[in-house]
Protein backbone atom coordinates (compact mmCIF):
# COMPACT_ATOMS: atom_id res chain seq x y z
CA MET A 1 16.67 269.61 37.73
CA ILE A 2 20.27 269.52 36.47
CA ALA A 3 21.65 269.21 39.99
CA SER A 4 19.77 265.92 40.41
CA LEU A 5 22.21 264.36 37.93
CA GLY A 6 24.84 263.95 40.65
CA PHE A 7 28.39 265.22 40.75
CA ALA A 8 30.63 265.27 37.71
CA ASP A 9 34.06 263.66 37.48
CA LEU A 10 35.30 266.44 35.19
CA ILE A 11 34.00 269.87 34.20
CA LEU A 12 35.23 271.90 31.24
CA MET A 13 34.43 275.51 32.09
CA ASN A 14 34.62 278.98 30.57
CA GLY A 15 34.89 277.93 26.93
CA ARG A 16 33.34 278.47 23.55
CA ILE A 17 31.98 274.96 23.13
CA TYR A 18 30.61 274.11 19.70
CA THR A 19 28.31 271.13 20.12
CA VAL A 20 27.25 270.36 16.50
CA GLU A 21 23.73 270.02 17.95
CA PRO A 22 21.21 272.31 16.18
CA SER A 23 19.08 272.76 19.32
CA GLN A 24 22.06 274.11 21.30
CA PRO A 25 25.00 274.85 18.99
CA TRP A 26 27.09 276.75 21.57
CA ALA A 27 27.65 276.34 25.30
CA GLU A 28 29.93 277.73 28.01
CA ALA A 29 30.63 274.53 29.91
CA LEU A 30 30.03 270.81 30.07
CA ALA A 31 30.21 268.11 32.70
CA ILE A 32 31.53 264.56 32.32
CA LYS A 33 30.82 261.48 34.45
CA ASP A 34 31.96 257.89 33.89
CA GLY A 35 33.37 258.78 30.48
CA CYS A 36 30.10 260.24 29.18
CA ILE A 37 28.74 263.75 28.87
CA LEU A 38 26.57 264.46 31.89
CA ALA A 39 25.29 267.89 30.88
CA VAL A 40 26.02 270.78 28.51
CA GLY A 41 25.00 274.32 29.34
CA ASN A 42 25.91 277.67 30.82
CA ARG A 43 28.42 278.19 33.58
CA ALA A 44 25.91 278.35 36.42
CA GLU A 45 24.14 275.17 35.35
CA ILE A 46 27.33 273.17 35.09
CA GLU A 47 28.87 274.54 38.29
CA ALA A 48 25.90 273.02 40.15
CA LEU A 49 27.35 269.60 39.22
CA LYS A 50 30.69 270.29 40.90
CA GLY A 51 31.40 268.04 43.87
CA PRO A 52 34.34 267.69 46.24
CA GLU A 53 36.15 265.25 43.89
CA THR A 54 35.30 266.99 40.62
CA ARG A 55 38.24 268.10 38.47
CA VAL A 56 37.70 271.45 36.75
CA VAL A 57 39.52 272.56 33.60
CA ASP A 58 39.33 276.25 32.74
CA LEU A 59 39.25 276.54 28.96
CA ALA A 60 40.05 280.25 29.25
CA GLY A 61 37.76 281.11 26.36
CA LYS A 62 39.22 278.46 24.03
CA MET A 63 36.99 276.73 21.47
CA ALA A 64 36.09 273.09 22.10
CA MET A 65 34.05 270.76 19.91
CA PRO A 66 33.37 267.05 19.31
CA GLY A 67 36.31 264.87 18.34
CA PHE A 68 36.70 264.30 14.62
CA ILE A 69 35.43 261.10 13.03
CA ASP A 70 37.45 259.85 10.07
CA VAL A 71 35.19 257.67 7.93
CA HIS A 72 38.04 256.37 5.75
CA ASN A 73 41.61 255.61 6.74
CA HIS A 74 44.07 252.71 6.68
CA ILE A 75 45.16 252.61 10.28
CA MET A 76 47.90 249.96 10.17
CA MET A 77 49.41 251.33 6.97
CA GLY A 78 49.55 254.75 8.63
CA GLY A 79 51.51 253.39 11.56
CA GLN A 80 53.77 251.33 9.32
CA ALA A 81 54.63 254.42 7.31
CA GLU A 82 55.59 256.23 10.52
CA LEU A 83 57.59 253.44 12.18
CA PHE A 84 59.10 251.33 9.41
CA GLU A 85 59.06 253.31 6.16
CA THR A 86 60.25 256.66 4.82
CA GLN A 87 58.53 259.51 2.99
CA ILE A 88 59.48 260.70 -0.47
CA PRO A 89 59.30 264.52 -0.76
CA ALA A 90 56.07 265.79 -2.31
CA GLY A 91 56.29 266.45 -6.04
CA ALA A 92 59.58 264.53 -6.33
CA SER A 93 61.12 263.99 -9.77
CA ILE A 94 62.84 260.73 -10.79
CA GLU A 95 66.16 262.25 -9.69
CA VAL A 96 64.80 263.28 -6.28
CA ILE A 97 63.16 259.87 -5.75
CA CYS A 98 66.43 258.11 -6.56
CA ALA A 99 68.42 260.46 -4.29
CA HIS A 100 66.01 259.59 -1.46
CA VAL A 101 66.49 255.87 -2.13
CA ARG A 102 70.28 256.20 -2.21
CA LYS A 103 70.30 258.01 1.13
CA GLN A 104 68.25 255.19 2.68
CA ALA A 105 70.38 252.51 1.02
CA GLU A 106 73.57 253.94 2.50
CA SER A 107 72.26 253.51 6.07
CA THR A 108 70.19 250.30 5.72
CA PRO A 109 71.71 246.91 6.65
CA HIS A 110 72.63 244.83 3.62
CA GLY A 111 69.75 242.89 2.05
CA GLN A 112 66.94 244.69 3.89
CA TRP A 113 64.03 246.19 1.97
CA ILE A 114 63.75 249.91 1.43
CA VAL A 115 60.07 250.89 1.50
CA ALA A 116 58.99 254.48 0.89
CA ASN A 117 55.87 256.52 0.15
CA GLN A 118 54.66 258.30 -2.06
CA TRP A 119 55.52 259.25 -5.60
CA GLY A 120 53.08 261.48 -7.47
CA ALA A 121 50.21 260.10 -9.52
CA ASP A 122 51.42 262.32 -12.36
CA MET A 123 54.74 260.40 -12.53
CA ILE A 124 53.53 257.16 -14.16
CA THR A 125 54.76 258.07 -17.66
CA ALA A 126 58.17 259.22 -16.39
CA ILE A 127 58.66 256.09 -14.28
CA ASN A 128 57.64 253.69 -17.03
CA SER A 129 60.97 253.46 -18.87
CA GLU A 130 64.08 251.29 -18.74
CA ALA A 131 66.18 254.43 -18.29
CA SER A 132 64.29 255.31 -15.08
CA LEU A 133 64.63 251.73 -13.80
CA LYS A 134 68.39 251.89 -14.38
CA LYS A 135 68.59 255.06 -12.24
CA LEU A 136 66.61 253.36 -9.46
CA ASP A 137 68.81 250.25 -9.61
CA GLU A 138 71.96 252.36 -9.34
CA ALA A 139 70.56 254.30 -6.37
CA SER A 140 69.46 251.17 -4.47
CA LEU A 141 73.00 249.79 -3.94
CA GLY A 142 71.73 246.22 -4.19
CA HIS A 143 68.79 246.56 -1.78
CA PRO A 144 65.29 245.52 -2.86
CA VAL A 145 63.20 248.69 -3.18
CA LEU A 146 59.41 249.15 -2.98
CA LEU A 147 58.01 252.64 -3.61
CA ARG A 148 54.27 253.27 -3.32
CA ASP A 149 52.44 255.96 -5.27
CA GLU A 150 50.16 258.50 -3.62
CA THR A 151 47.02 256.52 -4.49
CA MET A 152 48.51 253.42 -2.79
CA HIS A 153 47.21 251.42 -5.77
CA ASN A 154 50.47 251.33 -7.75
CA ARG A 155 54.16 250.69 -7.02
CA TRP A 156 57.61 251.25 -8.47
CA ILE A 157 60.21 248.60 -7.65
CA ASN A 158 63.78 247.94 -8.66
CA SER A 159 65.28 244.92 -10.40
CA GLU A 160 66.31 243.24 -7.12
CA ALA A 161 62.72 243.43 -5.86
CA MET A 162 61.52 241.91 -9.13
CA ARG A 163 64.04 239.08 -8.73
CA LEU A 164 62.91 238.30 -5.16
CA ALA A 165 59.24 238.38 -6.19
CA GLY A 166 59.84 236.16 -9.23
CA ILE A 167 58.79 238.76 -11.81
CA SER A 168 60.44 238.29 -15.20
CA ASN A 169 60.19 239.90 -18.62
CA ASN A 170 58.21 237.03 -20.13
CA GLN A 171 55.62 237.07 -17.34
CA PRO A 172 52.03 237.85 -18.40
CA ASP A 173 50.06 240.58 -16.64
CA PRO A 174 48.08 239.37 -13.63
CA PRO A 175 44.25 239.62 -13.61
CA GLN A 176 43.10 243.16 -12.77
CA GLY A 177 46.61 244.58 -12.96
CA SER A 178 49.67 245.05 -15.15
CA PHE A 179 53.46 245.29 -15.26
CA GLY A 180 54.81 248.50 -16.72
CA ARG A 181 56.88 248.03 -19.86
CA ASP A 182 59.10 250.43 -21.75
CA PRO A 183 57.06 251.72 -24.72
CA VAL A 184 60.08 251.27 -27.04
CA THR A 185 61.77 248.06 -25.84
CA GLY A 186 58.80 246.31 -24.23
CA ARG A 187 60.96 245.36 -21.23
CA LEU A 188 59.87 245.67 -17.59
CA THR A 189 60.33 249.05 -15.90
CA GLY A 190 59.42 248.15 -12.33
CA LEU A 191 56.05 249.94 -12.54
CA LEU A 192 53.32 247.78 -10.97
CA VAL A 193 49.68 248.70 -11.53
CA GLU A 194 46.88 247.49 -9.19
CA SER A 195 47.03 243.70 -8.57
CA ALA A 196 50.64 243.48 -9.76
CA ALA A 197 51.57 245.49 -6.66
CA GLY A 198 50.27 242.75 -4.37
CA ILE A 199 52.85 240.29 -5.71
CA VAL A 200 55.71 242.36 -4.34
CA GLU A 201 53.88 243.53 -1.21
CA ARG A 202 53.54 239.86 -0.19
CA THR A 203 57.28 239.32 -0.63
CA ALA A 204 58.26 242.47 1.27
CA ALA A 205 55.84 241.67 4.12
CA GLU A 206 57.39 238.32 4.97
CA ALA A 207 59.50 239.99 7.67
CA PHE A 208 56.53 241.91 9.15
CA THR A 209 55.47 240.34 12.48
CA GLU A 210 52.23 240.47 14.48
CA GLU A 211 54.08 242.50 17.12
CA MET A 212 55.13 245.02 14.48
CA GLY A 213 51.50 245.22 13.33
CA GLU A 214 50.26 246.01 16.82
CA ALA A 215 53.01 248.59 17.30
CA ALA A 216 52.05 250.19 13.99
CA VAL A 217 48.37 250.46 14.94
CA ALA A 218 49.24 251.79 18.41
CA ARG A 219 51.42 254.50 16.88
CA ALA A 220 48.74 255.31 14.32
CA ILE A 221 46.18 255.83 17.11
CA GLU A 222 48.56 258.25 18.81
CA ILE A 223 48.91 260.16 15.56
CA VAL A 224 45.19 260.46 14.81
CA ASN A 225 44.51 261.45 18.43
CA SER A 226 47.02 264.28 18.01
CA TYR A 227 44.89 265.63 15.16
CA GLY A 228 41.72 265.38 17.24
CA VAL A 229 40.37 262.13 15.73
CA THR A 230 38.46 260.05 18.29
CA ALA A 231 36.72 257.60 15.91
CA PHE A 232 37.65 256.15 12.55
CA GLN A 233 36.68 253.54 10.01
CA ASP A 234 39.49 251.40 8.70
CA ALA A 235 38.68 251.05 5.02
CA ALA A 236 40.10 247.57 4.29
CA SER A 237 40.48 245.53 7.46
CA VAL A 238 42.42 242.31 7.01
CA LEU A 239 43.00 239.96 9.92
CA PRO A 240 46.22 241.51 11.32
CA ILE A 241 44.37 244.83 11.69
CA LEU A 242 41.49 243.21 13.60
CA LYS A 243 43.95 241.42 15.88
CA ALA A 244 45.88 244.59 16.63
CA LEU A 245 42.74 246.65 17.35
CA LYS A 246 41.29 244.01 19.67
CA ASN A 247 44.56 243.54 21.54
CA LEU A 248 44.90 247.28 22.09
CA ASP A 249 41.30 247.61 23.34
CA VAL A 250 41.66 244.67 25.73
CA LYS A 251 44.78 246.37 27.12
CA GLY A 252 42.93 249.69 27.48
CA LYS A 253 45.16 251.31 24.87
CA LEU A 254 42.63 251.90 22.07
CA THR A 255 41.78 255.57 22.50
CA ALA A 256 39.31 255.86 19.61
CA TRP A 257 36.22 254.09 18.32
CA ALA A 258 37.29 251.73 15.52
CA VAL A 259 34.85 250.55 12.85
CA THR A 260 36.27 248.00 10.43
CA SER A 261 35.55 247.04 6.81
CA LEU A 262 36.13 243.34 6.06
CA PRO A 263 37.10 242.58 2.44
CA LEU A 264 34.64 240.32 0.66
CA ILE A 265 37.26 239.86 -2.09
CA GLU A 266 40.99 240.00 -1.45
CA PRO A 267 42.08 243.53 -2.44
CA SER A 268 44.36 243.53 -5.45
CA PHE A 269 47.18 245.40 -3.71
CA MET A 270 46.68 243.94 -0.21
CA PHE A 271 46.48 240.34 0.87
CA GLY A 272 45.17 238.13 3.64
CA LEU A 273 42.08 236.23 4.71
CA SER A 274 38.93 237.64 3.12
CA GLY A 275 35.35 236.68 2.28
CA ASP A 276 33.44 234.08 4.29
CA GLY A 277 36.50 233.00 6.26
CA LEU A 278 37.04 236.50 7.58
CA LEU A 279 33.35 237.23 8.11
CA ALA A 280 33.02 234.12 10.28
CA LEU A 281 35.58 235.58 12.70
CA ARG A 282 34.13 239.07 12.99
CA ASP A 283 32.47 238.67 16.40
CA GLU A 284 35.66 237.17 17.80
CA TYR A 285 37.24 240.60 17.32
CA ARG A 286 34.29 242.71 18.47
CA THR A 287 35.03 244.68 21.65
CA GLU A 288 33.64 247.74 23.40
CA HIS A 289 35.33 250.06 20.91
CA VAL A 290 35.98 247.78 17.91
CA LYS A 291 32.96 247.40 15.63
CA PRO A 292 33.39 244.98 12.67
CA ASN A 293 30.21 246.29 11.06
CA PHE A 294 31.15 246.81 7.41
CA THR A 295 32.30 244.79 4.43
CA LYS A 296 34.56 246.13 1.66
CA ILE A 297 34.92 245.83 -2.11
CA PHE A 298 37.04 247.67 -4.68
CA LEU A 299 34.84 248.17 -7.75
CA ASP A 300 37.54 249.92 -9.79
CA GLY A 301 41.00 251.47 -9.51
CA VAL A 302 42.20 255.06 -9.85
CA PRO A 303 41.95 257.61 -12.68
CA GLY A 304 45.66 258.42 -12.98
CA ALA A 305 46.50 254.81 -13.86
CA ARG A 306 43.42 254.54 -16.13
CA THR A 307 42.02 251.81 -13.87
CA ALA A 308 38.95 253.75 -12.71
CA ALA A 309 35.78 252.99 -14.70
CA PHE A 310 34.14 255.93 -16.50
CA HIS A 311 31.15 256.47 -18.78
CA ASP A 312 33.37 258.48 -21.14
CA ALA A 313 36.71 257.37 -22.58
CA TYR A 314 40.17 258.27 -21.38
CA VAL A 315 42.59 260.17 -23.60
CA ALA A 316 44.04 257.53 -25.93
CA ASP A 317 47.68 256.46 -25.71
CA ALA A 318 49.83 253.58 -27.01
CA ALA A 319 48.63 251.15 -24.32
CA HIS A 320 44.99 252.29 -24.23
CA PRO A 321 43.26 252.65 -27.60
CA HIS A 322 40.63 255.21 -28.42
CA GLY A 323 37.41 254.47 -26.53
CA TYR A 324 38.99 252.82 -23.47
CA ARG A 325 36.90 253.67 -20.38
CA GLY A 326 38.40 251.48 -17.68
CA GLU A 327 36.76 248.38 -16.24
CA VAL A 328 34.81 247.38 -13.15
CA LEU A 329 36.38 244.62 -11.06
CA VAL A 330 33.11 242.93 -10.04
CA ASN A 331 30.29 242.08 -12.44
CA TYR A 332 26.84 243.46 -11.77
CA PRO A 333 25.10 240.22 -10.63
CA ASP A 334 27.92 239.53 -8.15
CA LEU A 335 27.76 243.13 -6.91
CA VAL A 336 24.04 242.74 -6.18
CA ARG A 337 24.80 239.51 -4.33
CA HIS A 338 27.54 241.15 -2.26
CA ILE A 339 25.20 243.97 -1.18
CA ASP A 340 22.43 241.53 -0.35
CA LYS A 341 24.82 239.31 1.61
CA SER A 342 26.16 242.26 3.59
CA GLU A 343 22.65 243.37 4.51
CA LYS A 344 21.64 239.88 5.61
CA LEU A 345 24.63 239.96 7.98
CA GLY A 346 23.55 243.38 9.25
CA MET A 347 26.63 245.00 7.71
CA GLY A 348 27.09 247.99 5.47
CA LEU A 349 29.24 247.75 2.35
CA LYS A 350 32.04 250.27 1.82
CA ILE A 351 32.86 250.22 -1.89
CA HIS A 352 35.69 251.98 -3.70
CA CYS A 353 34.34 253.74 -6.81
CA ALA A 354 36.72 256.29 -8.32
CA GLY A 355 35.11 256.63 -11.75
CA ASP A 356 31.58 257.82 -12.50
CA TYR A 357 30.62 254.53 -14.21
CA SER A 358 31.46 252.49 -11.11
CA VAL A 359 29.37 254.93 -9.00
CA THR A 360 26.41 254.39 -11.33
CA GLU A 361 26.91 250.62 -11.17
CA MET A 362 26.88 250.66 -7.35
CA LEU A 363 23.80 252.87 -7.16
CA ASP A 364 22.01 250.63 -9.67
CA ALA A 365 22.88 247.56 -7.60
CA VAL A 366 21.66 249.16 -4.35
CA GLU A 367 18.44 250.14 -6.12
CA ALA A 368 17.95 246.51 -7.20
CA VAL A 369 18.52 245.25 -3.65
CA ARG A 370 16.10 247.88 -2.27
CA HIS A 371 13.49 246.66 -4.75
CA PHE A 372 13.66 243.13 -3.34
CA ASN A 373 14.61 243.75 0.32
CA GLY A 374 12.73 246.95 1.03
CA PRO A 375 14.01 249.84 3.17
CA THR A 376 16.85 249.46 5.66
CA ASP A 377 18.81 251.60 8.10
CA ILE A 378 22.05 249.85 7.08
CA LYS A 379 24.46 252.35 5.55
CA HIS A 380 26.42 251.56 2.40
CA HIS A 381 29.33 253.89 1.57
CA ILE A 382 30.60 254.93 -1.85
CA ALA A 383 34.25 255.88 -1.55
CA HIS A 384 35.20 258.30 -2.86
CA ALA A 385 32.16 259.75 -4.66
CA SER A 386 34.41 262.15 -6.54
CA TYR A 387 33.45 261.95 -10.22
CA LEU A 388 29.67 261.84 -10.59
CA ARG A 389 27.14 262.19 -13.40
CA ASP A 390 24.54 264.87 -12.75
CA GLU A 391 21.77 262.28 -12.94
CA ASP A 392 23.35 260.27 -10.11
CA LEU A 393 23.67 263.14 -7.62
CA GLY A 394 20.17 262.81 -6.18
CA ARG A 395 20.27 259.02 -5.93
CA PHE A 396 22.50 258.96 -2.83
CA ALA A 397 19.79 260.45 -0.62
CA THR A 398 16.99 258.48 -2.30
CA LEU A 399 18.77 255.17 -1.73
CA GLY A 400 20.29 256.03 1.65
CA VAL A 401 23.86 255.64 0.31
CA VAL A 402 26.63 257.59 2.06
CA ALA A 403 29.14 259.68 0.11
CA ASP A 404 32.46 258.81 1.76
CA LEU A 405 34.51 261.90 0.96
CA CYS A 406 38.25 262.37 1.32
CA PRO A 407 38.59 266.14 1.46
CA MET A 408 42.36 266.26 1.18
CA ILE A 409 42.12 264.92 -2.36
CA TRP A 410 39.57 267.41 -3.64
CA TYR A 411 41.65 270.54 -3.88
CA PRO A 412 44.43 271.10 -6.46
CA THR A 413 47.09 268.37 -6.05
CA THR A 414 49.40 266.13 -8.07
CA PHE A 415 46.51 263.64 -8.03
CA LEU A 416 44.55 266.09 -10.13
CA GLU A 417 47.49 266.77 -12.45
CA GLY A 418 47.65 263.04 -13.11
CA HIS A 419 43.92 263.00 -13.87
CA LYS A 420 44.30 265.86 -16.36
CA GLN A 421 46.89 263.87 -18.30
CA VAL A 422 44.53 260.94 -18.88
CA MET A 423 41.09 262.61 -18.85
CA GLY A 424 41.63 266.10 -20.23
CA GLU A 425 41.43 269.24 -18.11
CA GLU A 426 37.70 270.00 -18.34
CA ARG A 427 36.56 266.54 -17.24
CA ALA A 428 39.29 266.15 -14.63
CA THR A 429 38.40 269.38 -12.84
CA ARG A 430 34.70 268.50 -12.41
CA PHE A 431 35.91 266.77 -9.27
CA TRP A 432 34.13 266.43 -5.91
CA PRO A 433 30.74 268.17 -6.42
CA ILE A 434 30.28 268.66 -2.67
CA ALA A 435 27.83 271.58 -2.73
CA SER A 436 25.66 269.90 -5.37
CA MET A 437 25.49 266.71 -3.33
CA LYS A 438 24.73 268.61 -0.14
CA ALA A 439 21.80 270.30 -1.90
CA THR A 440 20.25 266.87 -2.51
CA ASN A 441 20.37 266.03 1.25
CA ALA A 442 22.84 263.20 0.68
CA LEU A 443 24.65 262.09 3.83
CA LEU A 444 28.21 263.35 3.31
CA ALA A 445 30.87 261.90 5.60
CA GLY A 446 34.50 263.02 5.92
CA GLY A 447 37.57 260.83 5.66
CA SER A 448 41.28 261.25 5.14
CA ASP A 449 42.34 258.09 3.28
CA TRP A 450 45.53 258.34 5.38
CA PRO A 451 48.28 257.39 4.61
CA VAL A 452 47.33 257.95 0.97
CA ILE A 453 47.27 261.50 2.31
CA PRO A 454 50.46 261.81 4.41
CA ILE A 455 48.91 263.73 7.33
CA PRO A 456 45.44 262.85 8.71
CA ASP A 457 44.61 266.42 9.75
CA PRO A 458 40.89 267.11 9.29
CA TRP A 459 41.41 270.89 9.32
CA ASN A 460 43.42 270.57 6.13
CA GLY A 461 40.46 268.94 4.40
CA ILE A 462 37.92 271.27 5.98
CA GLU A 463 39.73 274.35 4.69
CA GLY A 464 39.79 272.71 1.27
CA MET A 465 36.03 272.20 1.42
CA VAL A 466 35.49 275.85 2.28
CA THR A 467 38.04 277.43 -0.12
CA ARG A 468 38.44 274.76 -2.84
CA GLN A 469 42.16 275.65 -2.77
CA ASN A 470 45.21 273.78 -1.52
CA PRO A 471 45.91 274.92 2.07
CA SER A 472 49.60 274.03 1.82
CA GLY A 473 50.29 276.87 -0.58
CA ALA A 474 50.97 274.49 -3.45
CA PHE A 475 49.17 275.50 -6.66
CA PRO A 476 48.80 279.11 -5.42
CA GLY A 477 45.72 280.95 -6.59
CA VAL A 478 44.22 277.86 -8.18
CA SER A 479 40.66 276.92 -7.18
CA LEU A 480 39.06 273.61 -8.05
CA TRP A 481 35.45 274.08 -9.21
CA ALA A 482 34.98 277.01 -6.84
CA GLU A 483 31.17 276.94 -6.94
CA GLN A 484 31.30 273.62 -5.07
CA ALA A 485 32.60 275.30 -1.89
CA ILE A 486 30.52 274.86 1.27
CA ASP A 487 30.27 276.76 4.56
CA LEU A 488 32.43 275.97 7.59
CA ALA A 489 29.62 274.69 9.84
CA SER A 490 28.60 272.17 7.18
CA ALA A 491 32.21 271.07 6.69
CA ILE A 492 32.65 270.46 10.44
CA GLU A 493 29.39 268.51 10.56
CA ILE A 494 30.61 266.31 7.69
CA TYR A 495 33.67 265.39 9.74
CA THR A 496 31.83 264.84 13.06
CA LEU A 497 28.13 264.02 13.34
CA ASN A 498 27.69 262.99 9.70
CA SER A 499 30.56 260.54 9.89
CA ALA A 500 29.11 259.16 13.13
CA LYS A 501 25.79 258.61 11.37
CA ALA A 502 27.53 256.96 8.42
CA MET A 503 29.33 254.55 10.77
CA ARG A 504 26.17 254.06 12.89
CA LEU A 505 27.95 255.51 15.92
CA ASP A 506 25.79 258.62 16.30
CA GLY A 507 24.22 257.20 19.47
CA GLU A 508 27.68 257.10 21.03
CA THR A 509 29.61 260.05 19.60
CA GLY A 510 29.75 262.79 16.95
CA SER A 511 28.19 265.68 18.90
CA LEU A 512 28.28 267.05 22.43
CA VAL A 513 25.03 266.10 24.09
CA ALA A 514 24.19 264.41 27.38
CA GLY A 515 24.61 260.65 27.24
CA LYS A 516 27.24 260.45 24.51
CA SER A 517 30.87 259.53 25.00
CA ALA A 518 32.92 262.52 26.13
CA ASP A 519 35.01 262.68 22.95
CA ILE A 520 36.09 266.31 22.84
CA ILE A 521 38.88 268.42 21.37
CA VAL A 522 40.14 271.82 22.54
CA LEU A 523 41.57 274.14 19.88
CA ASP A 524 44.12 276.93 19.78
CA GLN A 525 41.79 279.22 17.81
CA ASN A 526 38.10 279.70 17.19
CA VAL A 527 37.79 278.55 13.58
CA PHE A 528 34.64 280.62 13.12
CA GLU A 529 36.61 283.80 13.83
CA VAL A 530 39.59 283.41 11.49
CA PRO A 531 39.89 283.96 7.72
CA ALA A 532 39.04 280.88 5.69
CA ASP A 533 42.62 280.50 4.49
CA GLN A 534 43.79 280.10 8.12
CA ILE A 535 41.46 277.23 9.07
CA ALA A 536 44.12 274.62 8.28
CA ASP A 537 46.51 276.33 10.72
CA THR A 538 44.31 275.20 13.63
CA LYS A 539 46.05 273.03 16.21
CA VAL A 540 44.48 270.65 18.70
CA LEU A 541 45.58 271.48 22.24
CA THR A 542 43.88 268.56 24.02
CA THR A 543 42.00 265.48 22.84
CA TYR A 544 39.65 263.76 25.28
CA PHE A 545 38.40 260.24 24.61
CA ALA A 546 35.68 258.96 26.96
CA GLY A 547 36.48 261.88 29.25
CA GLU A 548 40.21 261.18 29.57
CA PRO A 549 42.94 263.30 27.96
CA VAL A 550 44.66 261.10 25.37
CA TYR A 551 46.67 263.86 23.70
CA GLN A 552 47.97 267.18 24.99
CA ARG A 553 50.06 269.58 22.93
């Protein structure tokens, strides 16, 4: 029977092939033809498909599995960070940040911007002073400086950047954002929260060309391929991203499935065409591998800056009185309309909800739309589904809403330290209830949020899911809500087949079964045979996309 399939173009033989298919979880070999999986089985079965032109790769007992699917990244920003920006050391103090800036300033042509990522979310209080701004100004040697925080929602800029962007001390805060001010003098500190960041990003981006955008996306694809990622969803896809993805696919250089998320409202810290104008162009940028199938909204901000919306109040401070809980950015009637509009276009809505109140608001709105529209197979995503009320856990599965998880944020990090400062330790550490959500049969999908997370390595997040500890060795011995750990097989499924289902690509990829795209990675170790604290050490040896090697270590 299997021999009647014809000869394969490529056979991967003599491996430990993990398929993520319950009916046949492990195999010895698989055959590929015309970029798709022809058959999966034992050595004898697959050898029957070998013809005179068939290439055979001996895996020599190595583990292979489906390529990873990243349900949440920012592909152009990732490439920009690699090609045109620099990286601040993790956990950097004000002094270390300024030393980094000075080093860049000494080698950067006069007048050019210095852009760097990412200062810690626990640094907002330290940055928000005139004394800190003076240190940054001295280090910048006259250059305009733009420094993004690790949430990518907030910025720290120097006085020259404020001058170029037209920001002055008597300027009122923009809607849905604020300018940091010294708590004693009331003068600007260069801290920009949420929408205030977009003012300076626009100014800094004036020199960024379409060619640079395409180069950034091309480099980003190379990077994610090197970590075994063969499909991704860009989480806020403005027009330059769509153009770059289409151009690369037309040229045969897009070596991953790309699902995009078109902003219905211009994001506060990004800019560009959004809403109806962008939606009208979506099919112009649809290609074989580019799927503009989602819309995007930010419903709130981030906990560390007190811009996420919660049911319970933040810890009070001078700028936020007792009882302040954050605010949603879209009112409930408009949110219902946005969901309904997306569904009528056949698109899912990916919505940023960092606080538990915004999660409740989104689930309530989906429930209202279901009441009027009835059931649907369209998938809406809540990103990041990290702080949840117990009574909302079961509603994801009931309403068919996907939990878009970013595993590299759910173990102990400086993110979490920032949350503790503004929420208190007990509340802050009830973070990412993965096991509880899994028990409700919610569809959990894995993302990186790269370059919010500097390295888009799924194994890093997967180890975090299994151990609830930081794989880097930072915060040694500290576990985050340890009872929310899950098993390795479930964690891998979250980052492969589940993400494919969430992106509605499970007919094309996500598991190794006949008929799907031959998106496969070969590993340097069998992750099921190593201690849990060594999972993140796993390296991808080869990444195949549509049957062709697109990365080899």
